[in-house]
C-alpha atoms as a PDB file:
ATOM      1  CA  UNK A   1       0.199  -3.807   4.004  1.00  0.00           C
ATOM      2  CA  UNK A   2       3.623  -2.459   2.988  1.00  0.00           C
ATOM      3  CA  UNK A   3       4.404   1.153   2.222  1.00  0.00           C
ATOM      4  CA  UNK A   4       7.498   1.405   0.020  1.00  0.00           C
ATOM      5  CA  UNK A   5       9.391   2.991  -2.840  1.00  0.00           C
ATOM      6  CA  UNK A   6       8.174   1.871  -6.230  1.00  0.00           C
ATOM      7  CA  UNK A   7      10.250  -0.309  -8.611  1.00  0.00           C
ATOM      8  CA  UNK A   8      10.059  -0.871 -12.411  1.00  0.00           C
ATOM      9  CA  UNK A   9       8.081  -4.122 -11.681  1.00  0.00           C
ATOM     10  CA  UNK A  10       5.330  -1.907 -10.161  1.00  0.00           C
ATOM     11  CA  UNK A  11       4.660   0.268 -13.244  1.00  0.00           C
ATOM     12  CA  UNK A  12       1.951  -2.201 -14.679  1.00  0.00           C
ATOM     13  CA  UNK A  13       0.135  -2.184 -11.281  1.00  0.00           C
ATOM     14  CA  UNK A  14       0.344   1.605 -10.966  1.00  0.00           C
ATOM     15  CA  UNK A  15      -0.921   2.081 -14.585  1.00  0.00           C
ATOM     16  CA  UNK A  16      -3.795  -0.451 -13.837  1.00  0.00           C
ATOM     17  CA  UNK A  17      -4.803   1.562 -10.699  1.00  0.00           C
ATOM     18  CA  UNK A  18      -4.957   4.734 -12.786  1.00  0.00           C
ATOM     19  CA  UNK A  19      -7.125   2.994 -15.331  1.00  0.00           C
ATOM     20  CA  UNK A  20      -9.462   1.589 -12.593  1.00  0.00           C
ATOM     21  CA  UNK A  21      -9.644   5.160 -11.227  1.00  0.00           C
ATOM     22  CA  UNK A  22     -10.618   6.597 -14.668  1.00  0.00           C
ATOM     23  CA  UNK A  23     -13.161   3.789 -15.205  1.00  0.00           C
ATOM     24  CA  UNK A  24     -14.715   4.690 -11.761  1.00  0.00           C
ATOM     25  CA  UNK A  25     -14.932   8.377 -12.519  1.00  0.00           C
ATOM     26  CA  UNK A  26     -16.416   7.672 -15.883  1.00  0.00           C
ATOM     27  CA  UNK A  27     -19.157   5.466 -14.288  1.00  0.00           C
ATOM     28  CA  UNK A  28     -19.882   7.557 -11.218  1.00  0.00           C
ATOM     29  CA  UNK A  29     -18.914  11.163 -12.036  1.00  0.00           C
ATOM     30  CA  UNK A  30     -15.570  12.836 -11.551  1.00  0.00           C
ATOM     31  CA  UNK A  31     -14.136  14.238  -8.341  1.00  0.00           C
ATOM     32  CA  UNK A  32     -10.786  15.229 -10.024  1.00  0.00           C
ATOM     33  CA  UNK A  33      -9.725  17.108 -13.137  1.00  0.00           C
ATOM     34  CA  UNK A  34      -7.467  14.288 -14.154  1.00  0.00           C
ATOM     35  CA  UNK A  35      -7.840  13.190 -17.822  1.00  0.00           C
ATOM     36  CA  UNK A  36      -7.354   9.651 -19.194  1.00  0.00           C
ATOM     37  CA  UNK A  37      -4.388   9.557 -21.492  1.00  0.00           C
ATOM     38  CA  UNK A  38      -3.162  12.989 -20.304  1.00  0.00           C
ATOM     39  CA  UNK A  39      -2.618  12.722 -16.522  1.00  0.00           C
ATOM     40  CA  UNK A  40      -1.749  10.583 -14.669  1.00  0.00           C
ATOM     41  CA  UNK A  41      -0.356   8.091 -17.071  1.00  0.00           C
ATOM     42  CA  UNK A  42       2.179   5.340 -16.999  1.00  0.00           C
ATOM     43  CA  UNK A  43       4.735   8.016 -17.973  1.00  0.00           C
ATOM     44  CA  UNK A  44       3.752   9.993 -15.012  1.00  0.00           C
ATOM     45  CA  UNK A  45       4.588   7.003 -12.751  1.00  0.00           C
ATOM     46  CA  UNK A  46       7.801   6.280 -14.844  1.00  0.00           C
ATOM     47  CA  UNK A  47       9.157   9.786 -14.256  1.00  0.00           C
ATOM     48  CA  UNK A  48       8.555   9.540 -10.521  1.00  0.00           C
ATOM     49  CA  UNK A  49      10.217   6.122 -10.536  1.00  0.00           C
ATOM     50  CA  UNK A  50      13.258   7.522 -12.310  1.00  0.00           C
ATOM     51  CA  UNK A  51      13.366  10.427  -9.888  1.00  0.00           C
ATOM     52  CA  UNK A  52      13.095   7.958  -6.892  1.00  0.00           C
ATOM     53  CA  UNK A  53       9.954   9.590  -5.668  1.00  0.00           C
ATOM     54  CA  UNK A  54       7.254   7.022  -6.409  1.00  0.00           C
ATOM     55  CA  UNK A  55       5.768   5.403  -3.284  1.00  0.00           C
ATOM     56  CA  UNK A  56       3.256   2.580  -3.046  1.00  0.00           C
ATOM     57  CA  UNK A  57       1.006   0.788  -0.640  1.00  0.00           C
ATOM     58  CA  UNK A  58       1.105  -2.843  -1.566  1.00  0.00           C
ATOM     59  CA  UNK A  59      -0.576  -5.966  -0.240  1.00  0.00           C
ATOM     60  CA  UNK A  60       0.082  -9.436  -1.477  1.00  0.00           C
ATOM     61  CA  UNK A  61       1.609  -8.072  -4.681  1.00  0.00           C
ATOM     62  CA  UNK A  62      -1.370  -5.830  -5.507  1.00  0.00           C
ATOM     63  CA  UNK A  63      -0.726  -2.076  -5.658  1.00  0.00           C
ATOM     64  CA  UNK A  64      -3.513  -0.513  -3.556  1.00  0.00           C
ATOM     65  CA  UNK A  65      -2.390   3.141  -3.784  1.00  0.00           C
ATOM     66  CA  UNK A  66       0.406   5.263  -5.115  1.00  0.00           C
ATOM     67  CA  UNK A  67       1.747   8.809  -4.710  1.00  0.00           C
ATOM     68  CA  UNK A  68       4.714  10.925  -5.810  1.00  0.00           C
ATOM     69  CA  UNK A  69       6.574  12.484  -2.817  1.00  0.00           C
ATOM     70  CA  UNK A  70       9.170  15.049  -3.848  1.00  0.00           C
ATOM     71  CA  UNK A  71      10.414  18.526  -3.079  1.00  0.00           C
ATOM     72  CA  UNK A  72       9.330  20.027  -6.425  1.00  0.00           C
ATOM     73  CA  UNK A  73       6.879  22.752  -5.955  1.00  0.00           C
ATOM     74  CA  UNK A  74       4.887  23.756  -9.021  1.00  0.00           C
ATOM     75  CA  UNK A  75       5.568  27.221 -10.177  1.00  0.00           C
ATOM     76  CA  UNK A  76       2.144  28.395  -8.902  1.00  0.00           C
ATOM     77  CA  UNK A  77       3.247  27.723  -5.405  1.00  0.00           C
ATOM     78  CA  UNK A  78       5.562  30.714  -5.500  1.00  0.00           C
ATOM     79  CA  UNK A  79       2.520  32.963  -5.404  1.00  0.00           C
ATOM     80  CA  UNK A  80       0.893  31.181  -2.438  1.00  0.00           C
ATOM     81  CA  UNK A  81       1.098  32.776   1.084  1.00  0.00           C
ATOM     82  CA  UNK A  82       2.151  29.761   2.783  1.00  0.00           C
ATOM     83  CA  UNK A  83       2.016  29.817   6.621  1.00  0.00           C
ATOM     84  CA  UNK A  84       5.143  27.875   7.264  1.00  0.00           C
ATOM     85  CA  UNK A  85       8.434  29.426   6.183  1.00  0.00           C
ATOM     86  CA  UNK A  86       9.734  26.576   4.022  1.00  0.00           C
ATOM     87  CA  UNK A  87      11.772  27.626   0.987  1.00  0.00           C
ATOM     88  CA  UNK A  88      12.715  25.756  -2.146  1.00  0.00           C
ATOM     89  CA  UNK A  89      13.596  22.138  -1.191  1.00  0.00           C
ATOM     90  CA  UNK A  90      12.310  22.509   2.437  1.00  0.00           C
ATOM     91  CA  UNK A  91       8.859  21.257   1.846  1.00  0.00           C
ATOM     92  CA  UNK A  92       7.717  17.688   0.865  1.00  0.00           C
ATOM     93  CA  UNK A  93       5.036  18.035  -1.921  1.00  0.00           C
ATOM     94  CA  UNK A  94       2.301  15.363  -2.380  1.00  0.00           C
ATOM     95  CA  UNK A  95       1.465  14.746  -5.992  1.00  0.00           C
ATOM     96  CA  UNK A  96      -0.822  12.288  -7.686  1.00  0.00           C
ATOM     97  CA  UNK A  97      -2.161  10.384  -4.681  1.00  0.00           C
ATOM     98  CA  UNK A  98      -4.294   7.581  -6.142  1.00  0.00           C
ATOM     99  CA  UNK A  99      -6.154   4.929  -4.207  1.00  0.00           C
ATOM    100  CA  UNK A 100      -7.796   2.064  -6.213  1.00  0.00           C
ATOM    101  CA  UNK A 101     -11.550   2.668  -6.150  1.00  0.00           C
ATOM    102  CA  UNK A 102     -12.172  -0.959  -5.487  1.00  0.00           C
ATOM    103  CA  UNK A 103     -10.298  -0.431  -2.229  1.00  0.00           C
ATOM    104  CA  UNK A 104     -11.909   2.908  -1.275  1.00  0.00           C
ATOM    105  CA  UNK A 105     -13.259   3.356   2.179  1.00  0.00           C
ATOM    106  CA  UNK A 106     -10.596   1.230   3.853  1.00  0.00           C
ATOM    107  CA  UNK A 107      -8.398   4.023   5.135  1.00  0.00           C
ATOM    108  CA  UNK A 108      -5.789   3.692   2.473  1.00  0.00           C
ATOM    109  CA  UNK A 109      -5.686   7.360   1.704  1.00  0.00           C
ATOM    110  CA  UNK A 110      -5.131   8.175   5.434  1.00  0.00           C
ATOM    111  CA  UNK A 111      -2.253   5.636   5.491  1.00  0.00           C
ATOM    112  CA  UNK A 112      -0.708   7.088   2.435  1.00  0.00           C
ATOM    113  CA  UNK A 113      -0.694  10.604   3.885  1.00  0.00           C
ATOM    114  CA  UNK A 114       0.532   9.474   7.246  1.00  0.00           C
ATOM    115  CA  UNK A 115       3.393   7.721   5.532  1.00  0.00           C
ATOM    116  CA  UNK A 116       4.104  10.929   3.674  1.00  0.00           C
ATOM    117  CA  UNK A 117       4.216  12.792   6.968  1.00  0.00           C
ATOM    118  CA  UNK A 118       6.672  10.190   8.300  1.00  0.00           C
ATOM    119  CA  UNK A 119       8.891  10.562   5.178  1.00  0.00           C
ATOM    120  CA  UNK A 120       8.771  14.353   5.333  1.00  0.00           C
ATOM    121  CA  UNK A 121       9.943  14.199   8.940  1.00  0.00           C
ATOM    122  CA  UNK A 122      12.663  11.620   8.032  1.00  0.00           C
ATOM    123  CA  UNK A 123      13.885  13.917   5.297  1.00  0.00           C
ATOM    124  CA  UNK A 124      14.000  16.961   7.630  1.00  0.00           C
ATOM    125  CA  UNK A 125      11.359  18.950   5.801  1.00  0.00           C
ATOM    126  CA  UNK A 126       9.643  21.987   7.370  1.00  0.00           C
ATOM    127  CA  UNK A 127       6.258  21.385   5.861  1.00  0.00           C
ATOM    128  CA  UNK A 128       4.160  19.283   3.523  1.00  0.00           C
ATOM    129  CA  UNK A 129       2.304  21.003   0.679  1.00  0.00           C
ATOM    130  CA  UNK A 130      -0.213  19.976  -1.859  1.00  0.00           C
ATOM    131  CA  UNK A 131      -2.889  21.164  -4.188  1.00  0.00           C
ATOM    132  CA  UNK A 132      -6.118  19.567  -5.193  1.00  0.00           C
ATOM    133  CA  UNK A 133      -9.306  20.553  -6.874  1.00  0.00           C
ATOM    134  CA  UNK A 134     -11.758  22.314  -4.613  1.00  0.00           C
ATOM    135  CA  UNK A 135     -14.483  19.984  -6.071  1.00  0.00           C
ATOM    136  CA  UNK A 136     -12.498  16.970  -4.903  1.00  0.00           C
ATOM    137  CA  UNK A 137     -14.465  16.647  -1.650  1.00  0.00           C
ATOM    138  CA  UNK A 138     -13.037  13.280  -0.660  1.00  0.00           C
ATOM    139  CA  UNK A 139      -9.382  14.583  -0.927  1.00  0.00           C
ATOM    140  CA  UNK A 140     -10.093  17.929   0.722  1.00  0.00           C
ATOM    141  CA  UNK A 141     -11.860  16.131   3.589  1.00  0.00           C
ATOM    142  CA  UNK A 142      -9.007  13.689   4.048  1.00  0.00           C
ATOM    143  CA  UNK A 143      -6.305  16.404   4.199  1.00  0.00           C
ATOM    144  CA  UNK A 144      -8.375  18.514   6.570  1.00  0.00           C
ATOM    145  CA  UNK A 145      -9.110  15.565   8.851  1.00  0.00           C
ATOM    146  CA  UNK A 146      -5.290  14.870   9.031  1.00  0.00           C
ATOM    147  CA  UNK A 147      -4.495  18.430  10.062  1.00  0.00           C
ATOM    148  CA  UNK A 148      -3.701  20.203   6.751  1.00  0.00           C
ATOM    149  CA  UNK A 149      -4.939  23.761   6.558  1.00  0.00           C
ATOM    150  CA  UNK A 150      -6.264  25.496   3.487  1.00  0.00           C
ATOM    151  CA  UNK A 151      -3.833  28.269   2.650  1.00  0.00           C
ATOM    152  CA  UNK A 152      -5.222  29.668  -0.652  1.00  0.00           C
ATOM    153  CA  UNK A 153      -7.297  28.950  -3.673  1.00  0.00           C
ATOM    154  CA  UNK A 154      -6.637  29.718  -7.358  1.00  0.00           C
ATOM    155  CA  UNK A 155      -5.589  28.504 -10.721  1.00  0.00           C
ATOM    156  CA  UNK A 156      -2.940  25.790 -11.680  1.00  0.00           C
ATOM    157  CA  UNK A 157      -1.661  24.172 -14.732  1.00  0.00           C
ATOM    158  CA  UNK A 158      -1.756  20.552 -13.635  1.00  0.00           C
ATOM    159  CA  UNK A 159       1.351  18.656 -14.743  1.00  0.00           C
ATOM    160  CA  UNK A 160       1.808  21.455 -17.320  1.00  0.00           C
ATOM    161  CA  UNK A 161      -1.216  20.110 -19.274  1.00  0.00           C
ATOM    162  CA  UNK A 162      -4.511  20.559 -17.495  1.00  0.00           C
ATOM    163  CA  UNK A 163      -5.663  24.126 -16.680  1.00  0.00           C
ATOM    164  CA  UNK A 164      -7.885  24.330 -13.631  1.00  0.00           C
ATOM    165  CA  UNK A 165      -9.174  27.481 -11.952  1.00  0.00           C
ATOM    166  CA  UNK A 166     -10.782  25.939  -8.831  1.00  0.00           C
ATOM    167  CA  UNK A 167      -7.731  24.503  -7.052  1.00  0.00           C
ATOM    168  CA  UNK A 168      -6.929  24.689  -3.278  1.00  0.00           C
ATOM    169  CA  UNK A 169      -3.456  24.764  -1.727  1.00  0.00           C
ATOM    170  CA  UNK A 170      -3.065  23.089   1.577  1.00  0.00           C
ATOM    171  CA  UNK A 171      -0.152  22.803   3.946  1.00  0.00           C
ATOM    172  CA  UNK A 172       0.845  20.840   7.060  1.00  0.00           C
ATOM    173  CA  UNK A 173       3.686  22.319   9.126  1.00  0.00           C
ATOM    174  CA  UNK A 174       6.132  19.920  10.708  1.00  0.00           C
END
């Protein structure tokens, strides 16, 4: 498996993984507050690609997982009592981590987060931050297992489009 930055040729595969994710949530019940056609979409991946922040886990040409890793903290982060003193631009933020449901249970989420940790260290960041829905037990469990700590809970406007009251904010100091 190869962890790498995304390219324009990867957008179809990333979009397909989002669609597989939505199909799975519709069939088995949702863990996230993501909404098909709203967030995430191909345009979400396209923006990340254009910003050079789209990363993938790929095997034999198949996109297994994708994530956006950048230093852009949503405006709600300014109100969070973070434990690590990392100002604007000093924390790597994990956005839109998506593992294909057909590949779930294979440790791909763990690999993606570990690669994010390596990337944050490479970039000289002081911390890694993220938010996820409190109801997203698989994600909260993954981040907790990898050493992230719960810092706060509250509301967020996800991608400026999906209001959610039950979000948790987590941090990993580097």
